[in-house]
């Protein structure tokens, strides 16, 4: 019997390692991070300061104009700032801005969504790239070019469409036409629809590209057709993105200036028909009257600009809120 005692030998103590030296590059990186953080934070604060300064300026000048207004600023169907006291209101401008923007949205959104679906799920790769490039180029065209095209090409060729609408839908009153040049709210809506089409198409296309591939493959494996895949997988996933894209397009339609001023025959009355000339928008009224306005007239125009400023902020805020509701846009294909 082995009576030899075995003793546990303790493991060797770990040798102390030399502490890594702080290099100059590491310190520079930390300094760079602090500088970048300061610049980023300062840029965000500066943007808020600029927005607040714009709001304060518009509010102050608008209060000066409204205090001198002889009519009701919200309901008066008149814009005459040369009277003593001046009389002006935004009823016609608000109506024209909303109507033209709604017409543009009704025309542009279905076409934009259809183009986005075609580029992402139907068109071959060698075709989708050039078509998407052309659509991107449309977004870079200046608004005055759209306005000149609308005045010289679009307006002269709308007589046939207006006559057809009057013949078959004139009984509704909305599409009745008394003749004359087709410089009406429908013309403005068509032109605005063409202008906002690239914005809605590009954003919708990017949203549809983020649909998880496994969802589409699962639907195909269950025997779904391509349209059923789009209806059950693509459109439900991208609904919020399409709404956000539409609201971004709406923001541009609300504030479009030169294109509207070029094709519209402005009058300060509300037409029940979309085909009759007349009406106006906030941006068009400011562009056409600012150059010859007096001091009180400019304050009145700034007051109308304040209303447009608030409407645009609400539209963009709603778009951001809708985007924030769908966190799955980040890394959806991961």
C-alpha atoms as a PDB file:
ATOM      1  CA  UNK A   1       0.000   0.000   0.000  1.00  0.00           C
ATOM      2  CA  UNK A   2       1.401   3.281  -1.127  1.00  0.00           C
ATOM      3  CA  UNK A   3       1.401   5.655   1.767  1.00  0.00           C
ATOM      4  CA  UNK A   4       3.043   8.458  -0.166  1.00  0.00           C
ATOM      5  CA  UNK A   5       1.212  11.692   0.483  1.00  0.00           C
ATOM      6  CA  UNK A   6       0.402  13.852  -2.487  1.00  0.00           C
ATOM      7  CA  UNK A   7       0.184  17.531  -2.000  1.00  0.00           C
ATOM      8  CA  UNK A   8      -1.620  19.939  -4.258  1.00  0.00           C
ATOM      9  CA  UNK A   9       0.849  22.213  -5.893  1.00  0.00           C
ATOM     10  CA  UNK A  10      -0.577  25.719  -6.189  1.00  0.00           C
ATOM     11  CA  UNK A  11      -0.617  27.126  -9.718  1.00  0.00           C
ATOM     12  CA  UNK A  12       1.966  29.732 -10.472  1.00  0.00           C
ATOM     13  CA  UNK A  13       0.886  33.225  -9.719  1.00  0.00           C
ATOM     14  CA  UNK A  14       0.000  35.220 -12.813  1.00  0.00           C
ATOM     15  CA  UNK A  15       2.696  37.560 -13.888  1.00  0.00           C
ATOM     16  CA  UNK A  16       1.712  41.206 -13.841  1.00  0.00           C
ATOM     17  CA  UNK A  17       1.278  42.581 -17.282  1.00  0.00           C
ATOM     18  CA  UNK A  18       2.477  45.954 -18.254  1.00  0.00           C
ATOM     19  CA  UNK A  19      -0.279  48.556 -18.399  1.00  0.00           C
ATOM     20  CA  UNK A  20      -0.832  49.685 -21.981  1.00  0.00           C
ATOM     21  CA  UNK A  21       0.411  53.122 -22.605  1.00  0.00           C
ATOM     22  CA  UNK A  22      -2.004  55.740 -23.743  1.00  0.00           C
ATOM     23  CA  UNK A  23      -0.990  56.641 -27.214  1.00  0.00           C
ATOM     24  CA  UNK A  24      -1.258  60.024 -28.712  1.00  0.00           C
ATOM     25  CA  UNK A  25      -3.657  58.686 -31.340  1.00  0.00           C
ATOM     26  CA  UNK A  26      -6.081  57.432 -28.692  1.00  0.00           C
ATOM     27  CA  UNK A  27      -6.150  60.801 -26.993  1.00  0.00           C
ATOM     28  CA  UNK A  28      -6.695  62.498 -30.299  1.00  0.00           C
ATOM     29  CA  UNK A  29      -9.605  60.168 -31.003  1.00  0.00           C
ATOM     30  CA  UNK A  30     -11.275  61.093 -27.738  1.00  0.00           C
ATOM     31  CA  UNK A  31     -10.748  64.753 -28.465  1.00  0.00           C
ATOM     32  CA  UNK A  32     -12.218  64.229 -31.933  1.00  0.00           C
ATOM     33  CA  UNK A  33     -15.271  62.553 -30.414  1.00  0.00           C
ATOM     34  CA  UNK A  34     -15.803  65.488 -28.103  1.00  0.00           C
ATOM     35  CA  UNK A  35     -15.443  67.955 -30.971  1.00  0.00           C
ATOM     36  CA  UNK A  36     -17.856  65.990 -33.150  1.00  0.00           C
ATOM     37  CA  UNK A  37     -20.365  65.732 -30.297  1.00  0.00           C
ATOM     38  CA  UNK A  38     -20.161  69.473 -29.724  1.00  0.00           C
ATOM     39  CA  UNK A  39     -20.599  70.269 -33.394  1.00  0.00           C
ATOM     40  CA  UNK A  40     -23.554  67.896 -33.725  1.00  0.00           C
ATOM     41  CA  UNK A  41     -25.250  69.230 -30.633  1.00  0.00           C
ATOM     42  CA  UNK A  42     -24.578  72.811 -31.663  1.00  0.00           C
ATOM     43  CA  UNK A  43     -26.044  72.157 -35.127  1.00  0.00           C
ATOM     44  CA  UNK A  44     -29.228  70.768 -33.624  1.00  0.00           C
ATOM     45  CA  UNK A  45     -29.566  73.692 -31.225  1.00  0.00           C
ATOM     46  CA  UNK A  46     -28.834  76.159 -34.018  1.00  0.00           C
ATOM     47  CA  UNK A  47     -31.604  74.645 -36.132  1.00  0.00           C
ATOM     48  CA  UNK A  48     -34.086  75.013 -33.278  1.00  0.00           C
ATOM     49  CA  UNK A  49     -32.969  78.605 -32.726  1.00  0.00           C
ATOM     50  CA  UNK A  50     -33.452  79.414 -36.416  1.00  0.00           C
ATOM     51  CA  UNK A  51     -36.921  77.871 -36.449  1.00  0.00           C
ATOM     52  CA  UNK A  52     -37.851  79.766 -33.294  1.00  0.00           C
ATOM     53  CA  UNK A  53     -36.514  83.017 -34.769  1.00  0.00           C
ATOM     54  CA  UNK A  54     -38.574  82.507 -37.935  1.00  0.00           C
ATOM     55  CA  UNK A  55     -41.681  81.809 -35.873  1.00  0.00           C
ATOM     56  CA  UNK A  56     -41.141  84.894 -33.697  1.00  0.00           C
ATOM     57  CA  UNK A  57     -40.550  87.116 -36.734  1.00  0.00           C
ATOM     58  CA  UNK A  58     -43.639  85.853 -38.550  1.00  0.00           C
ATOM     59  CA  UNK A  59     -45.789  86.131 -35.441  1.00  0.00           C
ATOM     60  CA  UNK A  60     -44.663  89.686 -34.690  1.00  0.00           C
ATOM     61  CA  UNK A  61     -45.197  90.988 -38.227  1.00  0.00           C
ATOM     62  CA  UNK A  62     -48.492  89.108 -38.524  1.00  0.00           C
ATOM     63  CA  UNK A  63     -49.775  90.678 -35.305  1.00  0.00           C
ATOM     64  CA  UNK A  64     -49.031  94.137 -36.705  1.00  0.00           C
ATOM     65  CA  UNK A  65     -51.007  93.376 -39.869  1.00  0.00           C
ATOM     66  CA  UNK A  66     -53.984  91.715 -38.176  1.00  0.00           C
ATOM     67  CA  UNK A  67     -54.317  94.604 -35.723  1.00  0.00           C
ATOM     68  CA  UNK A  68     -54.889  96.947 -38.706  1.00  0.00           C
ATOM     69  CA  UNK A  69     -57.163  94.589 -40.643  1.00  0.00           C
ATOM     70  CA  UNK A  70     -60.637  96.038 -41.138  1.00  0.00           C
ATOM     71  CA  UNK A  71     -62.067  92.646 -42.181  1.00  0.00           C
ATOM     72  CA  UNK A  72     -61.895  89.213 -40.624  1.00  0.00           C
ATOM     73  CA  UNK A  73     -58.516  87.634 -41.284  1.00  0.00           C
ATOM     74  CA  UNK A  74     -59.967  84.129 -41.472  1.00  0.00           C
ATOM     75  CA  UNK A  75     -63.191  84.680 -43.424  1.00  0.00           C
ATOM     76  CA  UNK A  76     -62.828  87.797 -45.601  1.00  0.00           C
ATOM     77  CA  UNK A  77     -63.047  87.169 -49.377  1.00  0.00           C
ATOM     78  CA  UNK A  78     -60.827  90.122 -50.238  1.00  0.00           C
ATOM     79  CA  UNK A  79     -57.192  91.150 -50.380  1.00  0.00           C
ATOM     80  CA  UNK A  80     -56.868  94.919 -50.546  1.00  0.00           C
ATOM     81  CA  UNK A  81     -54.067  96.242 -48.388  1.00  0.00           C
ATOM     82  CA  UNK A  82     -54.069  99.687 -50.014  1.00  0.00           C
ATOM     83  CA  UNK A  83     -57.328 100.733 -48.339  1.00  0.00           C
ATOM     84  CA  UNK A  84     -57.339 102.836 -45.201  1.00  0.00           C
ATOM     85  CA  UNK A  85     -57.763 100.769 -43.121  1.00  0.00           C
ATOM     86  CA  UNK A  86     -56.692  97.679 -45.108  1.00  0.00           C
ATOM     87  CA  UNK A  87     -59.072  94.755 -45.572  1.00  0.00           C
ATOM     88  CA  UNK A  88     -57.776  91.264 -46.268  1.00  0.00           C
ATOM     89  CA  UNK A  89     -58.455  87.637 -45.410  1.00  0.00           C
ATOM     90  CA  UNK A  90     -57.148  84.147 -46.121  1.00  0.00           C
ATOM     91  CA  UNK A  91     -60.425  82.313 -46.810  1.00  0.00           C
ATOM     92  CA  UNK A  92     -59.839  82.036 -50.575  1.00  0.00           C
ATOM     93  CA  UNK A  93     -56.140  81.293 -50.151  1.00  0.00           C
ATOM     94  CA  UNK A  94     -56.731  78.541 -47.613  1.00  0.00           C
ATOM     95  CA  UNK A  95     -59.438  76.972 -49.772  1.00  0.00           C
ATOM     96  CA  UNK A  96     -57.297  77.070 -52.918  1.00  0.00           C
ATOM     97  CA  UNK A  97     -54.216  75.708 -51.163  1.00  0.00           C
ATOM     98  CA  UNK A  98     -56.110  72.774 -49.663  1.00  0.00           C
ATOM     99  CA  UNK A  99     -58.086  71.953 -52.822  1.00  0.00           C
ATOM    100  CA  UNK A 100     -55.096  72.043 -55.178  1.00  0.00           C
ATOM    101  CA  UNK A 101     -53.025  69.937 -52.775  1.00  0.00           C
ATOM    102  CA  UNK A 102     -55.800  67.359 -52.350  1.00  0.00           C
ATOM    103  CA  UNK A 103     -56.218  67.089 -56.127  1.00  0.00           C
ATOM    104  CA  UNK A 104     -52.477  66.598 -56.487  1.00  0.00           C
ATOM    105  CA  UNK A 105     -52.455  63.876 -53.834  1.00  0.00           C
ATOM    106  CA  UNK A 106     -55.397  62.030 -55.374  1.00  0.00           C
ATOM    107  CA  UNK A 107     -53.631  61.969 -58.732  1.00  0.00           C
ATOM    108  CA  UNK A 108     -50.044  61.382 -57.599  1.00  0.00           C
ATOM    109  CA  UNK A 109     -50.232  58.814 -54.790  1.00  0.00           C
ATOM    110  CA  UNK A 110     -51.762  55.868 -56.743  1.00  0.00           C
ATOM    111  CA  UNK A 111     -49.404  56.436 -59.680  1.00  0.00           C
ATOM    112  CA  UNK A 112     -46.363  56.762 -57.411  1.00  0.00           C
ATOM    113  CA  UNK A 113     -47.188  53.587 -55.476  1.00  0.00           C
ATOM    114  CA  UNK A 114     -47.767  51.697 -58.728  1.00  0.00           C
ATOM    115  CA  UNK A 115     -44.399  52.864 -60.099  1.00  0.00           C
ATOM    116  CA  UNK A 116     -42.641  51.882 -56.862  1.00  0.00           C
ATOM    117  CA  UNK A 117     -44.189  48.404 -56.938  1.00  0.00           C
ATOM    118  CA  UNK A 118     -43.260  47.987 -60.589  1.00  0.00           C
ATOM    119  CA  UNK A 119     -39.626  48.944 -59.955  1.00  0.00           C
ATOM    120  CA  UNK A 120     -39.241  46.674 -56.922  1.00  0.00           C
ATOM    121  CA  UNK A 121     -41.289  43.592 -57.875  1.00  0.00           C
ATOM    122  CA  UNK A 122     -41.962  43.494 -61.606  1.00  0.00           C
ATOM    123  CA  UNK A 123     -39.326  45.294 -63.656  1.00  0.00           C
ATOM    124  CA  UNK A 124     -36.072  43.476 -64.524  1.00  0.00           C
ATOM    125  CA  UNK A 125     -32.923  44.863 -62.960  1.00  0.00           C
ATOM    126  CA  UNK A 126     -31.571  46.333 -66.196  1.00  0.00           C
ATOM    127  CA  UNK A 127     -34.826  48.270 -66.595  1.00  0.00           C
ATOM    128  CA  UNK A 128     -35.559  49.313 -63.015  1.00  0.00           C
ATOM    129  CA  UNK A 129     -32.231  51.128 -62.644  1.00  0.00           C
ATOM    130  CA  UNK A 130     -32.641  53.559 -65.574  1.00  0.00           C
ATOM    131  CA  UNK A 131     -36.308  54.203 -64.771  1.00  0.00           C
ATOM    132  CA  UNK A 132     -35.484  54.986 -61.133  1.00  0.00           C
ATOM    133  CA  UNK A 133     -32.683  57.297 -62.319  1.00  0.00           C
ATOM    134  CA  UNK A 134     -35.079  59.230 -64.554  1.00  0.00           C
ATOM    135  CA  UNK A 135     -37.563  59.584 -61.685  1.00  0.00           C
ATOM    136  CA  UNK A 136     -34.778  60.909 -59.471  1.00  0.00           C
ATOM    137  CA  UNK A 137     -33.960  63.496 -62.134  1.00  0.00           C
ATOM    138  CA  UNK A 138     -37.552  64.742 -62.083  1.00  0.00           C
ATOM    139  CA  UNK A 139     -37.097  65.748 -58.458  1.00  0.00           C
ATOM    140  CA  UNK A 140     -34.168  67.997 -59.445  1.00  0.00           C
ATOM    141  CA  UNK A 141     -36.080  70.013 -62.053  1.00  0.00           C
ATOM    142  CA  UNK A 142     -36.671  73.604 -60.796  1.00  0.00           C
ATOM    143  CA  UNK A 143     -40.260  74.584 -60.156  1.00  0.00           C
ATOM    144  CA  UNK A 144     -40.124  77.476 -62.615  1.00  0.00           C
ATOM    145  CA  UNK A 145     -39.324  74.979 -65.391  1.00  0.00           C
ATOM    146  CA  UNK A 146     -42.420  73.002 -64.424  1.00  0.00           C
ATOM    147  CA  UNK A 147     -44.384  76.240 -64.478  1.00  0.00           C
ATOM    148  CA  UNK A 148     -43.195  77.198 -67.958  1.00  0.00           C
ATOM    149  CA  UNK A 149     -43.943  73.703 -69.231  1.00  0.00           C
ATOM    150  CA  UNK A 150     -47.385  73.865 -67.666  1.00  0.00           C
ATOM    151  CA  UNK A 151     -48.188  77.272 -69.175  1.00  0.00           C
ATOM    152  CA  UNK A 152     -46.872  76.504 -72.665  1.00  0.00           C
ATOM    153  CA  UNK A 153     -47.656  72.785 -73.058  1.00  0.00           C
ATOM    154  CA  UNK A 154     -50.084  71.576 -70.415  1.00  0.00           C
ATOM    155  CA  UNK A 155     -52.658  74.374 -70.435  1.00  0.00           C
ATOM    156  CA  UNK A 156     -53.237  74.434 -74.241  1.00  0.00           C
ATOM    157  CA  UNK A 157     -53.800  70.662 -74.294  1.00  0.00           C
ATOM    158  CA  UNK A 158     -56.345  70.478 -71.451  1.00  0.00           C
ATOM    159  CA  UNK A 159     -59.327  71.776 -73.433  1.00  0.00           C
ATOM    160  CA  UNK A 160     -60.244  68.274 -74.560  1.00  0.00           C
ATOM    161  CA  UNK A 161     -60.078  66.883 -71.033  1.00  0.00           C
ATOM    162  CA  UNK A 162     -62.104  69.757 -69.614  1.00  0.00           C
ATOM    163  CA  UNK A 163     -64.736  69.354 -72.336  1.00  0.00           C
ATOM    164  CA  UNK A 164     -64.999  65.624 -71.661  1.00  0.00           C
ATOM    165  CA  UNK A 165     -65.346  66.176 -67.907  1.00  0.00           C
ATOM    166  CA  UNK A 166     -68.006  68.827 -68.482  1.00  0.00           C
ATOM    167  CA  UNK A 167     -69.967  66.571 -70.849  1.00  0.00           C
ATOM    168  CA  UNK A 168     -70.056  63.477 -68.655  1.00  0.00           C
ATOM    169  CA  UNK A 169     -69.530  64.809 -65.117  1.00  0.00           C
ATOM    170  CA  UNK A 170     -70.706  68.403 -65.401  1.00  0.00           C
ATOM    171  CA  UNK A 171     -73.960  67.518 -63.641  1.00  0.00           C
ATOM    172  CA  UNK A 172     -72.018  67.185 -60.380  1.00  0.00           C
ATOM    173  CA  UNK A 173     -71.122  70.883 -60.411  1.00  0.00           C
ATOM    174  CA  UNK A 174     -67.526  70.079 -59.502  1.00  0.00           C
ATOM    175  CA  UNK A 175     -66.587  69.433 -63.140  1.00  0.00           C
ATOM    176  CA  UNK A 176     -68.791  71.951 -64.918  1.00  0.00           C
ATOM    177  CA  UNK A 177     -66.949  74.181 -67.388  1.00  0.00           C
ATOM    178  CA  UNK A 178     -68.012  77.542 -68.752  1.00  0.00           C
ATOM    179  CA  UNK A 179     -65.267  77.687 -71.377  1.00  0.00           C
ATOM    180  CA  UNK A 180     -62.165  79.838 -71.422  1.00  0.00           C
ATOM    181  CA  UNK A 181     -58.534  79.025 -70.782  1.00  0.00           C
ATOM    182  CA  UNK A 182     -58.127  76.004 -68.491  1.00  0.00           C
ATOM    183  CA  UNK A 183     -56.160  77.881 -65.815  1.00  0.00           C
ATOM    184  CA  UNK A 184     -58.032  76.469 -62.866  1.00  0.00           C
ATOM    185  CA  UNK A 185     -57.491  74.508 -59.679  1.00  0.00           C
ATOM    186  CA  UNK A 186     -57.595  71.214 -61.586  1.00  0.00           C
ATOM    187  CA  UNK A 187     -54.743  72.428 -63.791  1.00  0.00           C
ATOM    188  CA  UNK A 188     -52.764  73.393 -60.712  1.00  0.00           C
ATOM    189  CA  UNK A 189     -53.501  70.011 -59.141  1.00  0.00           C
ATOM    190  CA  UNK A 190     -52.286  68.138 -62.221  1.00  0.00           C
ATOM    191  CA  UNK A 191     -49.059  70.146 -62.322  1.00  0.00           C
ATOM    192  CA  UNK A 192     -48.453  69.674 -58.599  1.00  0.00           C
ATOM    193  CA  UNK A 193     -49.087  65.936 -58.966  1.00  0.00           C
ATOM    194  CA  UNK A 194     -46.298  65.720 -61.541  1.00  0.00           C
ATOM    195  CA  UNK A 195     -43.981  67.677 -59.254  1.00  0.00           C
ATOM    196  CA  UNK A 196     -44.523  65.563 -56.122  1.00  0.00           C
ATOM    197  CA  UNK A 197     -44.530  62.249 -57.983  1.00  0.00           C
ATOM    198  CA  UNK A 198     -40.730  61.688 -57.648  1.00  0.00           C
ATOM    199  CA  UNK A 199     -40.755  62.285 -53.871  1.00  0.00           C
ATOM    200  CA  UNK A 200     -43.533  59.803 -53.172  1.00  0.00           C
ATOM    201  CA  UNK A 201     -42.124  57.254 -55.617  1.00  0.00           C
ATOM    202  CA  UNK A 202     -38.592  57.311 -54.218  1.00  0.00           C
ATOM    203  CA  UNK A 203     -39.618  56.963 -50.578  1.00  0.00           C
ATOM    204  CA  UNK A 204     -42.186  54.264 -51.358  1.00  0.00           C
ATOM    205  CA  UNK A 205     -39.619  52.346 -53.400  1.00  0.00           C
ATOM    206  CA  UNK A 206     -37.154  52.317 -50.513  1.00  0.00           C
ATOM    207  CA  UNK A 207     -39.859  51.160 -48.114  1.00  0.00           C
ATOM    208  CA  UNK A 208     -40.945  48.304 -50.386  1.00  0.00           C
ATOM    209  CA  UNK A 209     -37.322  47.192 -50.687  1.00  0.00           C
ATOM    210  CA  UNK A 210     -37.183  46.689 -46.910  1.00  0.00           C
ATOM    211  CA  UNK A 211     -39.967  44.119 -46.844  1.00  0.00           C
ATOM    212  CA  UNK A 212     -38.452  40.947 -45.289  1.00  0.00           C
ATOM    213  CA  UNK A 213     -37.665  38.492 -48.047  1.00  0.00           C
ATOM    214  CA  UNK A 214     -38.859  35.555 -45.960  1.00  0.00           C
ATOM    215  CA  UNK A 215     -42.389  36.989 -45.866  1.00  0.00           C
ATOM    216  CA  UNK A 216     -42.605  37.051 -49.634  1.00  0.00           C
ATOM    217  CA  UNK A 217     -41.054  33.593 -50.011  1.00  0.00           C
ATOM    218  CA  UNK A 218     -43.443  32.161 -47.429  1.00  0.00           C
ATOM    219  CA  UNK A 219     -46.427  33.538 -49.313  1.00  0.00           C
ATOM    220  CA  UNK A 220     -45.110  32.130 -52.593  1.00  0.00           C
ATOM    221  CA  UNK A 221     -44.538  28.750 -50.946  1.00  0.00           C
ATOM    222  CA  UNK A 222     -48.180  28.704 -49.877  1.00  0.00           C
ATOM    223  CA  UNK A 223     -49.258  29.161 -53.508  1.00  0.00           C
ATOM    224  CA  UNK A 224     -49.892  32.917 -53.565  1.00  0.00           C
ATOM    225  CA  UNK A 225     -49.634  34.780 -56.851  1.00  0.00           C
ATOM    226  CA  UNK A 226     -47.348  37.780 -57.221  1.00  0.00           C
ATOM    227  CA  UNK A 227     -50.254  40.198 -56.711  1.00  0.00           C
ATOM    228  CA  UNK A 228     -51.370  38.293 -53.607  1.00  0.00           C
ATOM    229  CA  UNK A 229     -47.830  38.539 -52.250  1.00  0.00           C
ATOM    230  CA  UNK A 230     -47.923  42.306 -52.786  1.00  0.00           C
ATOM    231  CA  UNK A 231     -51.391  42.629 -51.280  1.00  0.00           C
ATOM    232  CA  UNK A 232     -50.730  40.449 -48.217  1.00  0.00           C
ATOM    233  CA  UNK A 233     -47.031  41.084 -47.500  1.00  0.00           C
ATOM    234  CA  UNK A 234     -45.688  44.176 -49.231  1.00  0.00           C
ATOM    235  CA  UNK A 235     -48.501  46.709 -48.885  1.00  0.00           C
ATOM    236  CA  UNK A 236     -49.288  46.004 -45.189  1.00  0.00           C
ATOM    237  CA  UNK A 237     -45.607  46.325 -44.305  1.00  0.00           C
ATOM    238  CA  UNK A 238     -45.129  49.539 -46.281  1.00  0.00           C
ATOM    239  CA  UNK A 239     -48.436  51.232 -45.440  1.00  0.00           C
ATOM    240  CA  UNK A 240     -46.966  53.638 -42.909  1.00  0.00           C
ATOM    241  CA  UNK A 241     -44.039  54.426 -45.184  1.00  0.00           C
ATOM    242  CA  UNK A 242     -46.348  55.231 -48.087  1.00  0.00           C
ATOM    243  CA  UNK A 243     -48.406  57.499 -45.833  1.00  0.00           C
ATOM    244  CA  UNK A 244     -45.256  59.266 -44.690  1.00  0.00           C
ATOM    245  CA  UNK A 245     -44.066  59.693 -48.281  1.00  0.00           C
ATOM    246  CA  UNK A 246     -47.453  61.088 -49.242  1.00  0.00           C
ATOM    247  CA  UNK A 247     -47.337  63.618 -46.437  1.00  0.00           C
ATOM    248  CA  UNK A 248     -43.870  64.727 -47.481  1.00  0.00           C
ATOM    249  CA  UNK A 249     -45.197  65.250 -50.986  1.00  0.00           C
ATOM    250  CA  UNK A 250     -48.140  67.120 -49.526  1.00  0.00           C
ATOM    251  CA  UNK A 251     -45.718  69.451 -47.766  1.00  0.00           C
ATOM    252  CA  UNK A 252     -44.176  70.423 -51.095  1.00  0.00           C
ATOM    253  CA  UNK A 253     -47.546  70.805 -52.775  1.00  0.00           C
ATOM    254  CA  UNK A 254     -48.717  73.162 -50.036  1.00  0.00           C
ATOM    255  CA  UNK A 255     -45.756  75.489 -50.440  1.00  0.00           C
ATOM    256  CA  UNK A 256     -45.243  75.431 -54.215  1.00  0.00           C
ATOM    257  CA  UNK A 257     -44.979  78.958 -55.583  1.00  0.00           C
ATOM    258  CA  UNK A 258     -43.718  79.692 -59.080  1.00  0.00           C
ATOM    259  CA  UNK A 259     -45.337  76.770 -60.860  1.00  0.00           C
ATOM    260  CA  UNK A 260     -48.742  77.678 -59.429  1.00  0.00           C
ATOM    261  CA  UNK A 261     -48.312  81.381 -60.184  1.00  0.00           C
ATOM    262  CA  UNK A 262     -47.456  80.552 -63.803  1.00  0.00           C
ATOM    263  CA  UNK A 263     -50.502  78.417 -64.652  1.00  0.00           C
ATOM    264  CA  UNK A 264     -53.251  79.891 -62.438  1.00  0.00           C
ATOM    265  CA  UNK A 265     -55.537  82.846 -63.178  1.00  0.00           C
ATOM    266  CA  UNK A 266     -55.948  84.130 -59.606  1.00  0.00           C
ATOM    267  CA  UNK A 267     -59.152  85.763 -58.358  1.00  0.00           C
ATOM    268  CA  UNK A 268     -60.362  86.336 -54.842  1.00  0.00           C
ATOM    269  CA  UNK A 269     -63.451  84.178 -55.007  1.00  0.00           C
ATOM    270  CA  UNK A 270     -64.168  80.511 -54.391  1.00  0.00           C
ATOM    271  CA  UNK A 271     -65.256  78.515 -57.440  1.00  0.00           C
ATOM    272  CA  UNK A 272     -67.422  75.468 -56.841  1.00  0.00           C
ATOM    273  CA  UNK A 273     -66.091  73.906 -60.054  1.00  0.00           C
ATOM    274  CA  UNK A 274     -62.518  72.717 -60.366  1.00  0.00           C
ATOM    275  CA  UNK A 275     -62.547  73.666 -64.053  1.00  0.00           C
ATOM    276  CA  UNK A 276     -63.432  77.343 -63.775  1.00  0.00           C
ATOM    277  CA  UNK A 277     -60.546  79.837 -63.591  1.00  0.00           C
ATOM    278  CA  UNK A 278     -60.049  81.557 -60.275  1.00  0.00           C
ATOM    279  CA  UNK A 279     -58.929  81.015 -56.735  1.00  0.00           C
ATOM    280  CA  UNK A 280     -55.466  81.297 -55.294  1.00  0.00           C
ATOM    281  CA  UNK A 281     -52.958  79.776 -52.888  1.00  0.00           C
ATOM    282  CA  UNK A 282     -50.826  81.161 -50.082  1.00  0.00           C
ATOM    283  CA  UNK A 283     -47.519  80.812 -51.907  1.00  0.00           C
ATOM    284  CA  UNK A 284     -48.860  82.118 -55.229  1.00  0.00           C
ATOM    285  CA  UNK A 285     -50.412  85.172 -53.561  1.00  0.00           C
ATOM    286  CA  UNK A 286     -47.183  86.028 -51.728  1.00  0.00           C
ATOM    287  CA  UNK A 287     -45.083  85.688 -54.889  1.00  0.00           C
ATOM    288  CA  UNK A 288     -47.393  87.801 -57.037  1.00  0.00           C
ATOM    289  CA  UNK A 289     -48.068  90.631 -54.584  1.00  0.00           C
ATOM    290  CA  UNK A 290     -44.895  90.986 -52.530  1.00  0.00           C
ATOM    291  CA  UNK A 291     -42.953  93.116 -55.024  1.00  0.00           C
ATOM    292  CA  UNK A 292     -45.543  95.916 -55.235  1.00  0.00           C
ATOM    293  CA  UNK A 293     -46.871  95.743 -51.670  1.00  0.00           C
ATOM    294  CA  UNK A 294     -46.581  98.572 -49.166  1.00  0.00           C
ATOM    295  CA  UNK A 295     -45.346  98.069 -45.627  1.00  0.00           C
ATOM    296  CA  UNK A 296     -48.826  97.107 -44.415  1.00  0.00           C
ATOM    297  CA  UNK A 297     -49.262  94.888 -47.458  1.00  0.00           C
ATOM    298  CA  UNK A 298     -46.035  93.043 -46.721  1.00  0.00           C
ATOM    299  CA  UNK A 299     -47.087  92.511 -43.123  1.00  0.00           C
ATOM    300  CA  UNK A 300     -50.369  91.068 -44.397  1.00  0.00           C
ATOM    301  CA  UNK A 301     -48.506  88.719 -46.724  1.00  0.00           C
ATOM    302  CA  UNK A 302     -46.271  87.675 -43.848  1.00  0.00           C
ATOM    303  CA  UNK A 303     -49.414  86.929 -41.831  1.00  0.00           C
ATOM    304  CA  UNK A 304     -50.610  84.585 -44.573  1.00  0.00           C
ATOM    305  CA  UNK A 305     -47.126  83.069 -44.658  1.00  0.00           C
ATOM    306  CA  UNK A 306     -47.411  82.349 -40.940  1.00  0.00           C
ATOM    307  CA  UNK A 307     -50.548  80.294 -41.591  1.00  0.00           C
ATOM    308  CA  UNK A 308     -48.747  78.342 -44.318  1.00  0.00           C
ATOM    309  CA  UNK A 309     -45.756  77.903 -41.989  1.00  0.00           C
ATOM    310  CA  UNK A 310     -47.969  76.363 -39.306  1.00  0.00           C
ATOM    311  CA  UNK A 311     -49.727  74.074 -41.794  1.00  0.00           C
ATOM    312  CA  UNK A 312     -46.384  72.847 -43.170  1.00  0.00           C
ATOM    313  CA  UNK A 313     -45.035  72.163 -39.685  1.00  0.00           C
ATOM    314  CA  UNK A 314     -48.128  70.147 -38.823  1.00  0.00           C
ATOM    315  CA  UNK A 315     -47.845  68.096 -42.005  1.00  0.00           C
ATOM    316  CA  UNK A 316     -44.157  67.328 -41.465  1.00  0.00           C
ATOM    317  CA  UNK A 317     -44.713  66.591 -37.797  1.00  0.00           C
ATOM    318  CA  UNK A 318     -47.433  64.112 -38.674  1.00  0.00           C
ATOM    319  CA  UNK A 319     -45.099  62.453 -41.185  1.00  0.00           C
ATOM    320  CA  UNK A 320     -42.374  62.074 -38.557  1.00  0.00           C
ATOM    321  CA  UNK A 321     -44.851  60.647 -36.063  1.00  0.00           C
ATOM    322  CA  UNK A 322     -45.988  58.007 -38.551  1.00  0.00           C
ATOM    323  CA  UNK A 323     -42.394  57.040 -39.347  1.00  0.00           C
ATOM    324  CA  UNK A 324     -41.583  56.702 -35.641  1.00  0.00           C
ATOM    325  CA  UNK A 325     -44.425  54.221 -35.188  1.00  0.00           C
ATOM    326  CA  UNK A 326     -42.697  51.637 -37.397  1.00  0.00           C
ATOM    327  CA  UNK A 327     -39.348  50.743 -35.863  1.00  0.00           C
ATOM    328  CA  UNK A 328     -39.019  47.644 -38.047  1.00  0.00           C
ATOM    329  CA  UNK A 329     -37.813  49.786 -40.955  1.00  0.00           C
ATOM    330  CA  UNK A 330     -34.398  49.617 -39.304  1.00  0.00           C
ATOM    331  CA  UNK A 331     -32.702  46.318 -40.108  1.00  0.00           C
ATOM    332  CA  UNK A 332     -35.792  44.649 -41.496  1.00  0.00           C
ATOM    333  CA  UNK A 333     -33.730  42.420 -43.784  1.00  0.00           C
ATOM    334  CA  UNK A 334     -31.149  41.529 -41.190  1.00  0.00           C
END
